[in-house]
Structure formats: C-alpha cells, structure tokens
Amino acid sequence: MSCATHARPDSLGVSKQTVGQLVDTLVVRGYLERTVGPDDRRRVLVTLTERGRSASTVVLATAEDIDARLVAVVGTERMTNTRETLAALPDLRSSSTSSPEVLQR
C-alpha cells in the first residue's frame, strides 16, 4: 500500500507540515520509503518498508489482543458504544456549530 503525503492530513486532523515531519522521522528510522510517482514526478508516494510491515503486523496484533481483553471485561455492547463515541470526536472539532462551552460540559 502506498499513498501520497498530501492524501491524509485532513483525515488525521493535522497539518501537512506535521505529516511531513512524521514521515521524515519514519523514513529516517527505516519504517517508510519515499518514491517519485510513476505518472507524475511531482507526486511523492510513501510506502512501508519491510521493517514497517513487520512493525505494522505487531501493532495490529497487539491492538486486536487489547480489544479482545477489553471486550472480555466490558462486553461487546459497551465496546461498540465506546468506539462510536470516539469516532464522533473529530466531528466535534470540525463542527462549525460547536462552541467552546459545549465542549467543556
């Protein structure tokens, strides 16, 4: 899987500069590599290296283990509600109708 560095900042809620700095760090540490787009040399693609794929596998397995342990403690319904609540948080940040008072309750 690869993506252009400009393709994700909005979905992460961070600036292009922040994504660029994170990508720089992950490239230096050997988790990502940058390549020039085959159809557009102005486009930079970012892909996982072998080290990045290995780390991704470990992270995903760990997240699945934590999820399973949480479900065992709180149950599926509460876990689903928690995920839905957390997924709604970015909407609060980007909502033009939200006021600081609403977010402080």
N, C-alpha and C. Protein backbone atom coordinates (compact mmCIF):
# COMPACT_ATOMS: atom_id res chain seq x y z
N MET A 1 0.84 -1.18 0.00
CA MET A 1 0.00 0.00 0.00
C MET A 1 0.88 1.24 0.00
N SER A 2 0.48 2.22 -0.75
CA SER A 2 1.20 3.48 -0.76
C SER A 2 0.19 4.61 -0.81
N CYS A 3 0.62 5.77 -0.40
CA CYS A 3 -0.24 6.95 -0.50
C CYS A 3 0.64 8.16 -0.71
N ALA A 4 0.05 9.18 -1.28
CA ALA A 4 0.76 10.45 -1.43
C ALA A 4 0.76 11.14 -0.08
N THR A 5 1.82 11.89 0.22
CA THR A 5 1.92 12.52 1.54
C THR A 5 0.84 13.55 1.78
N HIS A 6 0.24 14.09 0.72
CA HIS A 6 -0.80 15.09 0.90
C HIS A 6 -2.18 14.46 1.05
N ALA A 7 -2.28 13.16 0.93
CA ALA A 7 -3.59 12.50 0.88
C ALA A 7 -4.24 12.31 2.25
N ARG A 8 -3.52 12.43 3.35
CA ARG A 8 -4.07 12.06 4.65
C ARG A 8 -4.16 13.15 5.72
N PRO A 9 -3.52 14.31 5.62
CA PRO A 9 -3.54 15.24 6.75
C PRO A 9 -4.93 15.59 7.25
N ASP A 10 -5.89 15.87 6.37
CA ASP A 10 -7.22 16.26 6.83
C ASP A 10 -7.89 15.15 7.62
N SER A 11 -7.73 13.91 7.18
CA SER A 11 -8.37 12.81 7.89
C SER A 11 -7.73 12.57 9.25
N LEU A 12 -6.49 13.04 9.44
CA LEU A 12 -5.82 12.90 10.72
C LEU A 12 -6.04 14.12 11.61
N GLY A 13 -6.54 15.18 11.03
CA GLY A 13 -6.75 16.40 11.82
C GLY A 13 -5.47 17.13 12.14
N VAL A 14 -4.47 16.99 11.27
CA VAL A 14 -3.19 17.68 11.48
C VAL A 14 -2.79 18.40 10.21
N SER A 15 -1.77 19.21 10.30
CA SER A 15 -1.31 19.98 9.15
C SER A 15 -0.43 19.12 8.23
N LYS A 16 -0.25 19.61 7.00
CA LYS A 16 0.66 18.95 6.06
C LYS A 16 2.08 18.92 6.62
N GLN A 17 2.46 20.01 7.29
CA GLN A 17 3.79 20.09 7.87
C GLN A 17 4.00 19.00 8.92
N THR A 18 2.99 18.77 9.76
CA THR A 18 3.09 17.74 10.79
C THR A 18 3.23 16.37 10.17
N VAL A 19 2.43 16.09 9.14
CA VAL A 19 2.53 14.80 8.45
C VAL A 19 3.91 14.66 7.82
N GLY A 20 4.40 15.73 7.20
CA GLY A 20 5.72 15.68 6.59
C GLY A 20 6.81 15.37 7.60
N GLN A 21 6.73 15.98 8.78
CA GLN A 21 7.71 15.72 9.83
C GLN A 21 7.64 14.28 10.33
N LEU A 22 6.42 13.77 10.48
CA LEU A 22 6.25 12.39 10.91
C LEU A 22 6.80 11.43 9.86
N VAL A 23 6.49 11.69 8.60
CA VAL A 23 7.01 10.84 7.52
C VAL A 23 8.53 10.91 7.49
N ASP A 24 9.10 12.10 7.63
CA ASP A 24 10.57 12.24 7.66
C ASP A 24 11.17 11.34 8.75
N THR A 25 10.59 11.38 9.93
CA THR A 25 11.09 10.58 11.05
C THR A 25 10.99 9.09 10.74
N LEU A 26 9.85 8.67 10.18
CA LEU A 26 9.66 7.25 9.88
C LEU A 26 10.55 6.78 8.74
N VAL A 27 10.89 7.67 7.81
CA VAL A 27 11.83 7.34 6.73
C VAL A 27 13.22 7.15 7.33
N VAL A 28 13.65 8.10 8.16
CA VAL A 28 14.97 8.02 8.78
C VAL A 28 15.12 6.75 9.61
N ARG A 29 14.04 6.35 10.29
CA ARG A 29 14.10 5.15 11.14
C ARG A 29 13.87 3.85 10.37
N GLY A 30 13.60 3.97 9.07
CA GLY A 30 13.52 2.77 8.24
C GLY A 30 12.16 2.12 8.14
N TYR A 31 11.10 2.80 8.57
CA TYR A 31 9.76 2.23 8.51
C TYR A 31 9.03 2.56 7.20
N LEU A 32 9.40 3.67 6.59
CA LEU A 32 8.77 4.11 5.34
C LEU A 32 9.85 4.44 4.31
N GLU A 33 9.43 4.44 3.04
CA GLU A 33 10.30 4.95 1.99
C GLU A 33 9.48 5.84 1.08
N ARG A 34 10.14 6.84 0.54
CA ARG A 34 9.51 7.74 -0.42
C ARG A 34 9.97 7.38 -1.82
N THR A 35 9.02 7.43 -2.76
CA THR A 35 9.36 7.24 -4.17
C THR A 35 8.61 8.28 -4.98
N VAL A 36 9.17 8.57 -6.15
CA VAL A 36 8.53 9.51 -7.06
C VAL A 36 7.40 8.78 -7.77
N GLY A 37 6.25 9.45 -7.93
CA GLY A 37 5.11 8.85 -8.61
C GLY A 37 5.44 8.47 -10.04
N PRO A 38 5.02 7.29 -10.48
CA PRO A 38 5.35 6.86 -11.84
C PRO A 38 4.68 7.70 -12.93
N ASP A 39 3.51 8.23 -12.66
CA ASP A 39 2.77 9.00 -13.66
C ASP A 39 2.95 10.50 -13.52
N ASP A 40 3.39 10.93 -12.34
CA ASP A 40 3.52 12.36 -12.07
C ASP A 40 4.73 12.55 -11.16
N ARG A 41 5.83 13.04 -11.72
CA ARG A 41 7.07 13.17 -10.95
C ARG A 41 6.97 14.18 -9.81
N ARG A 42 5.92 15.00 -9.82
CA ARG A 42 5.71 15.93 -8.70
C ARG A 42 5.11 15.23 -7.49
N ARG A 43 4.56 14.06 -7.71
CA ARG A 43 3.89 13.32 -6.65
C ARG A 43 4.90 12.41 -5.94
N VAL A 44 4.87 12.44 -4.62
CA VAL A 44 5.74 11.59 -3.81
C VAL A 44 4.88 10.53 -3.15
N LEU A 45 5.22 9.27 -3.37
CA LEU A 45 4.48 8.17 -2.75
C LEU A 45 5.24 7.68 -1.53
N VAL A 46 4.49 7.29 -0.53
CA VAL A 46 5.08 6.79 0.71
C VAL A 46 4.61 5.35 0.89
N THR A 47 5.57 4.44 1.08
CA THR A 47 5.23 3.03 1.26
C THR A 47 5.96 2.48 2.48
N LEU A 48 5.39 1.42 3.03
CA LEU A 48 6.03 0.74 4.14
C LEU A 48 7.23 -0.05 3.63
N THR A 49 8.31 -0.04 4.40
CA THR A 49 9.45 -0.90 4.13
C THR A 49 9.16 -2.26 4.79
N GLU A 50 10.07 -3.19 4.63
CA GLU A 50 9.91 -4.49 5.31
C GLU A 50 9.84 -4.27 6.82
N ARG A 51 10.68 -3.40 7.33
CA ARG A 51 10.64 -3.10 8.77
C ARG A 51 9.29 -2.50 9.16
N GLY A 52 8.76 -1.63 8.32
CA GLY A 52 7.46 -1.02 8.58
C GLY A 52 6.34 -2.04 8.55
N ARG A 53 6.40 -2.97 7.60
CA ARG A 53 5.38 -4.03 7.53
C ARG A 53 5.44 -4.92 8.77
N SER A 54 6.64 -5.25 9.22
CA SER A 54 6.79 -6.07 10.42
C SER A 54 6.23 -5.35 11.65
N ALA A 55 6.56 -4.08 11.77
CA ALA A 55 6.06 -3.30 12.90
C ALA A 55 4.54 -3.18 12.84
N SER A 56 4.00 -3.00 11.65
CA SER A 56 2.56 -2.90 11.47
C SER A 56 1.86 -4.18 11.91
N THR A 57 2.45 -5.32 11.57
CA THR A 57 1.89 -6.61 11.97
C THR A 57 1.84 -6.73 13.49
N VAL A 58 2.91 -6.32 14.15
CA VAL A 58 2.96 -6.38 15.61
C VAL A 58 1.93 -5.43 16.23
N VAL A 59 1.85 -4.22 15.69
CA VAL A 59 0.90 -3.24 16.23
C VAL A 59 -0.53 -3.73 16.06
N LEU A 60 -0.88 -4.25 14.89
CA LEU A 60 -2.23 -4.74 14.65
C LEU A 60 -2.57 -5.92 15.56
N ALA A 61 -1.63 -6.84 15.73
CA ALA A 61 -1.87 -8.00 16.60
C ALA A 61 -2.05 -7.55 18.05
N THR A 62 -1.27 -6.57 18.48
CA THR A 62 -1.38 -6.05 19.84
C THR A 62 -2.72 -5.35 20.04
N ALA A 63 -3.13 -4.56 19.06
CA ALA A 63 -4.43 -3.87 19.15
C ALA A 63 -5.58 -4.88 19.21
N GLU A 64 -5.51 -5.93 18.41
CA GLU A 64 -6.54 -6.96 18.44
C GLU A 64 -6.58 -7.66 19.80
N ASP A 65 -5.42 -7.91 20.37
CA ASP A 65 -5.36 -8.54 21.70
C ASP A 65 -5.97 -7.63 22.76
N ILE A 66 -5.63 -6.35 22.71
CA ILE A 66 -6.18 -5.40 23.68
C ILE A 66 -7.70 -5.30 23.51
N ASP A 67 -8.17 -5.22 22.27
CA ASP A 67 -9.62 -5.19 22.02
C ASP A 67 -10.31 -6.41 22.61
N ALA A 68 -9.75 -7.58 22.37
CA ALA A 68 -10.36 -8.82 22.89
C ALA A 68 -10.40 -8.82 24.41
N ARG A 69 -9.34 -8.33 25.03
CA ARG A 69 -9.31 -8.27 26.50
C ARG A 69 -10.32 -7.26 27.03
N LEU A 70 -10.46 -6.14 26.35
CA LEU A 70 -11.47 -5.15 26.76
C LEU A 70 -12.88 -5.68 26.61
N VAL A 71 -13.16 -6.34 25.50
CA VAL A 71 -14.49 -6.92 25.29
C VAL A 71 -14.78 -7.94 26.38
N ALA A 72 -13.78 -8.70 26.78
CA ALA A 72 -13.98 -9.70 27.84
C ALA A 72 -14.34 -9.03 29.17
N VAL A 73 -13.85 -7.83 29.39
CA VAL A 73 -14.12 -7.13 30.65
C VAL A 73 -15.42 -6.32 30.60
N VAL A 74 -15.62 -5.57 29.52
CA VAL A 74 -16.77 -4.64 29.48
C VAL A 74 -17.92 -5.13 28.60
N GLY A 75 -17.69 -6.11 27.75
CA GLY A 75 -18.73 -6.62 26.88
C GLY A 75 -18.74 -5.93 25.52
N THR A 76 -19.35 -6.62 24.57
CA THR A 76 -19.37 -6.15 23.18
C THR A 76 -20.15 -4.85 23.03
N GLU A 77 -21.29 -4.74 23.69
CA GLU A 77 -22.13 -3.55 23.52
C GLU A 77 -21.42 -2.29 24.02
N ARG A 78 -20.81 -2.35 25.19
CA ARG A 78 -20.10 -1.18 25.70
C ARG A 78 -18.90 -0.84 24.83
N MET A 79 -18.23 -1.86 24.31
CA MET A 79 -17.09 -1.62 23.44
C MET A 79 -17.55 -0.94 22.15
N THR A 80 -18.66 -1.39 21.60
CA THR A 80 -19.21 -0.77 20.39
C THR A 80 -19.59 0.67 20.66
N ASN A 81 -20.24 0.94 21.79
CA ASN A 81 -20.62 2.31 22.15
C ASN A 81 -19.38 3.20 22.32
N THR A 82 -18.35 2.66 22.92
CA THR A 82 -17.12 3.43 23.11
C THR A 82 -16.49 3.78 21.77
N ARG A 83 -16.44 2.82 20.86
CA ARG A 83 -15.88 3.08 19.52
C ARG A 83 -16.69 4.15 18.79
N GLU A 84 -18.02 4.06 18.88
CA GLU A 84 -18.87 5.05 18.22
C GLU A 84 -18.65 6.44 18.81
N THR A 85 -18.52 6.50 20.13
CA THR A 85 -18.28 7.78 20.79
C THR A 85 -16.94 8.37 20.36
N LEU A 86 -15.91 7.56 20.36
CA LEU A 86 -14.59 8.04 19.95
C LEU A 86 -14.56 8.46 18.48
N ALA A 87 -15.28 7.74 17.64
CA ALA A 87 -15.34 8.08 16.22
C ALA A 87 -16.03 9.42 15.99
N ALA A 88 -16.90 9.83 16.91
CA ALA A 88 -17.63 11.09 16.77
C ALA A 88 -16.79 12.30 17.20
N LEU A 89 -15.72 12.10 17.93
CA LEU A 89 -14.93 13.22 18.43
C LEU A 89 -14.41 14.16 17.34
N PRO A 90 -13.90 13.66 16.23
CA PRO A 90 -13.45 14.59 15.18
C PRO A 90 -14.57 15.48 14.66
N ASP A 91 -15.81 14.99 14.69
CA ASP A 91 -16.93 15.81 14.25
C ASP A 91 -17.12 17.01 15.15
N LEU A 92 -16.87 16.85 16.44
CA LEU A 92 -16.97 17.99 17.37
C LEU A 92 -15.94 19.05 17.03
N ARG A 93 -14.75 18.59 16.71
CA ARG A 93 -13.65 19.52 16.41
C ARG A 93 -13.94 20.33 15.16
N SER A 94 -14.52 19.67 14.16
CA SER A 94 -14.72 20.35 12.87
C SER A 94 -16.09 21.00 12.75
N SER A 95 -16.96 20.76 13.71
CA SER A 95 -18.31 21.31 13.63
C SER A 95 -18.28 22.83 13.80
N SER A 96 -18.90 23.52 12.86
CA SER A 96 -18.93 24.98 12.95
C SER A 96 -19.97 25.45 13.96
N THR A 97 -20.87 24.57 14.39
CA THR A 97 -21.90 24.96 15.35
C THR A 97 -21.46 24.74 16.78
N SER A 98 -20.35 24.05 16.98
CA SER A 98 -19.89 23.79 18.34
C SER A 98 -19.28 25.05 18.93
N SER A 99 -19.61 25.30 20.17
CA SER A 99 -18.99 26.41 20.88
C SER A 99 -18.09 25.84 21.96
N PRO A 100 -17.14 26.61 22.43
CA PRO A 100 -16.25 26.11 23.49
C PRO A 100 -17.03 25.64 24.73
N GLU A 101 -18.16 26.28 25.02
CA GLU A 101 -18.95 25.89 26.18
C GLU A 101 -19.49 24.46 26.03
N VAL A 102 -19.89 24.10 24.83
CA VAL A 102 -20.42 22.75 24.58
C VAL A 102 -19.34 21.71 24.81
N LEU A 103 -18.13 22.01 24.38
CA LEU A 103 -17.03 21.06 24.51
C LEU A 103 -16.55 20.92 25.95
N GLN A 104 -16.86 21.89 26.82
CA GLN A 104 -16.40 21.84 28.20
C GLN A 104 -17.35 21.08 29.12
N ARG A 105 -18.54 20.76 28.69
CA ARG A 105 -19.50 20.06 29.56
C ARG A 105 -19.04 18.71 29.97
